[in-house]
Amino acid sequence: MKRQAPQPSPPLRSPGQRRPDLTREALLRAGERLFASGGLAGVTTDQLASSAGVNKAMIQYHFGGKDALYRAILLRILDPAVQRLRGLREPTSPPDQRLREFIRVFGSLHQTSPALSAMVLRELLSGGQHLDETVFSRFLEVFSILREILAQGTRTGIFRPVDPMQAHIGLIGSLVFFFASAPFRDR
């Protein structure tokens, strides 16, 4: 079966209109959609510019290149979620409630940014080769927060002892796969 090419997003700005904020936003939206479907290596600057309705020089001007646009998209998606998850480090509520909140935050992240799941799967398959230290540190922090919740739950007897990596893969992997497979399930 032939894979359909992603459709361009409706432009955020009219041709000839100079609004750097709208140009930047158009590139972020187009990049998120295209990178989810083709990965970093599978998307050209021409495709990004065309989908955003801008000159491809704007990718360099606003982000410093395609790789930096990719990084900006991941950080734009991850940073608000990581900020919310950081609050779960404080043991103000029982570990089981914090775990439920962790799953809720992570699930809502994928609902508000459906491209993230596909981007994460592509990164996993590539060995994370497109993740610089800044982006990779966000993924490590998510793992660290989950590990802390599980450790406290084990210490207090609420959870049985589990390998944190296996728990992470089981929880996060299931959510990522669930959201990444939405187009297939919809079909």
Protein backbone atom coordinates (compact mmCIF):
# COMPACT_ATOMS: atom_id res chain seq x y z
CA MET A 1 0.00 0.00 0.00
CA LYS A 2 1.37 3.40 -0.96
CA ARG A 3 1.97 5.83 1.92
CA GLN A 4 0.22 9.16 1.52
CA ALA A 5 2.34 12.28 1.73
CA PRO A 6 1.38 14.61 4.57
CA GLN A 7 -0.87 17.44 3.51
CA PRO A 8 0.41 20.98 3.99
CA SER A 9 -0.92 22.93 6.96
CA PRO A 10 -3.06 25.94 6.20
CA PRO A 11 -0.72 28.93 6.21
CA LEU A 12 -0.68 31.09 9.32
CA ARG A 13 0.23 34.14 7.32
CA SER A 14 -0.48 35.62 3.93
CA PRO A 15 2.28 35.75 1.30
CA GLY A 16 4.24 38.98 1.60
CA GLN A 17 3.15 39.53 5.21
CA ARG A 18 6.15 40.02 7.53
CA ARG A 19 5.31 38.57 10.89
CA PRO A 20 8.31 36.72 12.32
CA ASP A 21 6.19 35.22 15.11
CA LEU A 22 3.77 33.72 12.58
CA THR A 23 6.59 32.48 10.37
CA ARG A 24 8.24 30.79 13.34
CA GLU A 25 4.93 29.22 14.42
CA ALA A 26 4.21 28.00 10.88
CA LEU A 27 7.62 26.31 10.76
CA LEU A 28 7.10 24.69 14.17
CA ARG A 29 3.69 23.33 13.17
CA ALA A 30 4.83 22.10 9.78
CA GLY A 31 7.97 20.57 11.28
CA GLU A 32 6.07 18.76 14.00
CA ARG A 33 3.72 17.16 11.49
CA LEU A 34 6.40 16.34 8.91
CA PHE A 35 8.98 15.01 11.38
CA ALA A 36 6.33 12.75 12.91
CA SER A 37 5.62 11.21 9.53
CA GLY A 38 9.11 11.15 8.02
CA GLY A 39 11.63 11.58 10.82
CA LEU A 40 14.42 14.11 10.78
CA ALA A 41 16.31 12.39 7.97
CA GLY A 42 13.16 11.89 5.89
CA VAL A 43 12.18 15.55 5.70
CA THR A 44 13.86 18.16 3.53
CA THR A 45 14.10 21.88 4.14
CA ASP A 46 12.15 22.36 0.91
CA GLN A 47 9.29 20.27 2.31
CA LEU A 48 9.35 22.18 5.59
CA ALA A 49 9.31 25.56 3.88
CA SER A 50 6.63 24.56 1.41
CA SER A 51 4.39 23.12 4.12
CA ALA A 52 4.85 26.25 6.27
CA GLY A 53 4.34 28.57 3.29
CA VAL A 54 7.69 30.29 3.78
CA ASN A 55 11.05 30.64 2.08
CA LYS A 56 13.43 27.89 3.18
CA ALA A 57 15.93 30.52 4.30
CA MET A 58 13.53 31.21 7.16
CA ILE A 59 14.41 27.84 8.70
CA GLN A 60 18.02 28.98 9.03
CA TYR A 61 17.03 32.48 10.12
CA HIS A 62 14.61 31.45 12.87
CA PHE A 63 16.19 28.21 14.07
CA GLY A 64 19.69 27.85 12.66
CA GLY A 65 18.79 24.91 10.42
CA LYS A 66 16.61 21.84 10.18
CA ASP A 67 18.27 20.02 13.11
CA ALA A 68 17.74 23.03 15.37
CA LEU A 69 14.09 23.24 14.28
CA TYR A 70 13.67 19.58 15.22
CA ARG A 71 15.25 20.28 18.62
CA ALA A 72 13.02 23.33 19.16
CA ILE A 73 9.92 21.26 18.41
CA LEU A 74 10.86 18.53 20.89
CA LEU A 75 11.69 21.07 23.60
CA ARG A 76 8.49 23.00 22.96
CA ILE A 77 6.51 19.80 23.51
CA LEU A 78 8.55 18.31 26.35
CA ASP A 79 9.38 21.32 28.53
CA PRO A 80 5.84 22.07 29.80
CA ALA A 81 5.27 18.40 30.61
CA VAL A 82 8.61 18.02 32.37
CA GLN A 83 7.82 21.15 34.36
CA ARG A 84 4.52 19.58 35.50
CA LEU A 85 6.19 16.26 36.25
CA ARG A 86 8.84 17.96 38.43
CA GLY A 87 6.10 18.76 40.92
CA LEU A 88 5.68 15.01 41.45
CA ARG A 89 9.15 14.83 42.99
CA GLU A 90 7.77 16.34 46.19
CA PRO A 91 6.22 13.53 48.23
CA THR A 92 3.18 15.62 49.22
CA SER A 93 0.84 12.82 48.20
CA PRO A 94 1.12 9.02 48.30
CA PRO A 95 3.19 7.37 45.55
CA ASP A 96 0.18 5.66 43.97
CA GLN A 97 -1.53 9.05 43.48
CA ARG A 98 1.68 10.54 42.11
CA LEU A 99 2.02 7.61 39.71
CA ARG A 100 -1.54 8.16 38.47
CA GLU A 101 -0.74 11.85 37.96
CA PHE A 102 2.48 10.93 36.14
CA ILE A 103 0.50 8.76 33.72
CA ARG A 104 -2.18 11.44 33.32
CA VAL A 105 0.40 14.16 32.54
CA PHE A 106 2.25 11.93 30.11
CA GLY A 107 -1.00 10.84 28.43
CA SER A 108 -2.28 14.40 28.10
CA LEU A 109 1.07 15.40 26.61
CA HIS A 110 0.53 12.95 23.78
CA GLN A 111 -3.05 14.05 23.30
CA THR A 112 -2.10 17.71 22.97
CA SER A 113 0.94 16.91 20.82
CA PRO A 114 0.08 13.75 18.90
CA ALA A 115 3.22 14.00 16.79
CA LEU A 116 5.40 13.39 19.84
CA SER A 117 4.65 9.68 20.03
CA ALA A 118 5.72 9.07 16.43
CA MET A 119 8.79 11.25 16.89
CA VAL A 120 9.76 9.33 20.05
CA LEU A 121 9.36 5.98 18.30
CA ARG A 122 11.50 7.17 15.39
CA GLU A 123 14.17 8.31 17.84
CA LEU A 124 14.10 4.99 19.68
CA LEU A 125 14.55 3.12 16.41
CA SER A 126 17.47 5.35 15.43
CA GLY A 127 19.14 4.95 18.80
CA GLY A 128 18.39 8.56 19.70
CA GLN A 129 20.95 9.78 17.20
CA HIS A 130 19.13 13.08 16.66
CA LEU A 131 18.80 13.98 20.33
CA ASP A 132 21.35 16.44 21.62
CA GLU A 133 22.21 16.57 25.33
CA THR A 134 19.54 19.18 26.08
CA VAL A 135 16.70 17.11 24.65
CA PHE A 136 18.11 13.82 25.90
CA SER A 137 18.28 15.27 29.42
CA ARG A 138 14.49 15.83 29.32
CA PHE A 139 13.94 12.14 28.57
CA LEU A 140 16.31 11.20 31.39
CA GLU A 141 14.47 13.50 33.79
CA VAL A 142 11.14 11.85 32.97
CA PHE A 143 12.72 8.46 33.74
CA SER A 144 14.26 9.82 36.95
CA ILE A 145 10.94 11.17 38.21
CA LEU A 146 9.22 7.84 37.59
CA ARG A 147 12.08 6.00 39.30
CA GLU A 148 11.74 8.25 42.38
CA ILE A 149 7.99 7.63 42.59
CA LEU A 150 8.49 3.88 42.29
CA ALA A 151 11.28 3.88 44.89
CA GLN A 152 9.16 5.74 47.43
CA GLY A 153 6.23 3.43 46.73
CA THR A 154 8.45 0.40 47.30
CA ARG A 155 9.89 1.84 50.53
CA THR A 156 6.41 2.53 51.90
CA GLY A 157 5.05 -0.87 50.84
CA ILE A 158 2.50 0.54 48.38
CA PHE A 159 4.33 -0.96 45.38
CA ARG A 160 6.15 -4.24 45.14
CA PRO A 161 9.79 -4.00 44.08
CA VAL A 162 10.14 -3.56 40.31
CA ASP A 163 12.98 -2.79 37.97
CA PRO A 164 12.54 0.94 37.21
CA MET A 165 13.64 0.52 33.57
CA GLN A 166 11.12 -2.25 32.95
CA ALA A 167 8.38 -0.21 34.63
CA HIS A 168 9.33 2.80 32.52
CA ILE A 169 9.25 0.77 29.31
CA GLY A 170 5.96 -0.84 30.31
CA LEU A 171 4.22 2.43 31.20
CA ILE A 172 5.76 4.92 28.80
CA GLY A 173 6.22 2.42 26.00
CA SER A 174 2.56 1.45 26.16
CA LEU A 175 1.43 5.07 26.08
CA VAL A 176 3.78 6.00 23.24
CA PHE A 177 2.70 2.99 21.19
CA PHE A 178 -0.97 3.64 21.91
CA PHE A 179 -0.80 7.25 20.73
CA ALA A 180 1.57 6.59 17.82
CA SER A 181 -0.74 3.87 16.51
CA ALA A 182 -3.83 6.11 16.57
CA PRO A 183 -3.87 6.62 12.78
CA PHE A 184 -3.73 2.88 12.26
CA ARG A 185 -6.52 2.25 14.79
CA ASP A 186 -8.62 5.02 13.25
CA ARG A 187 -8.28 3.41 9.85
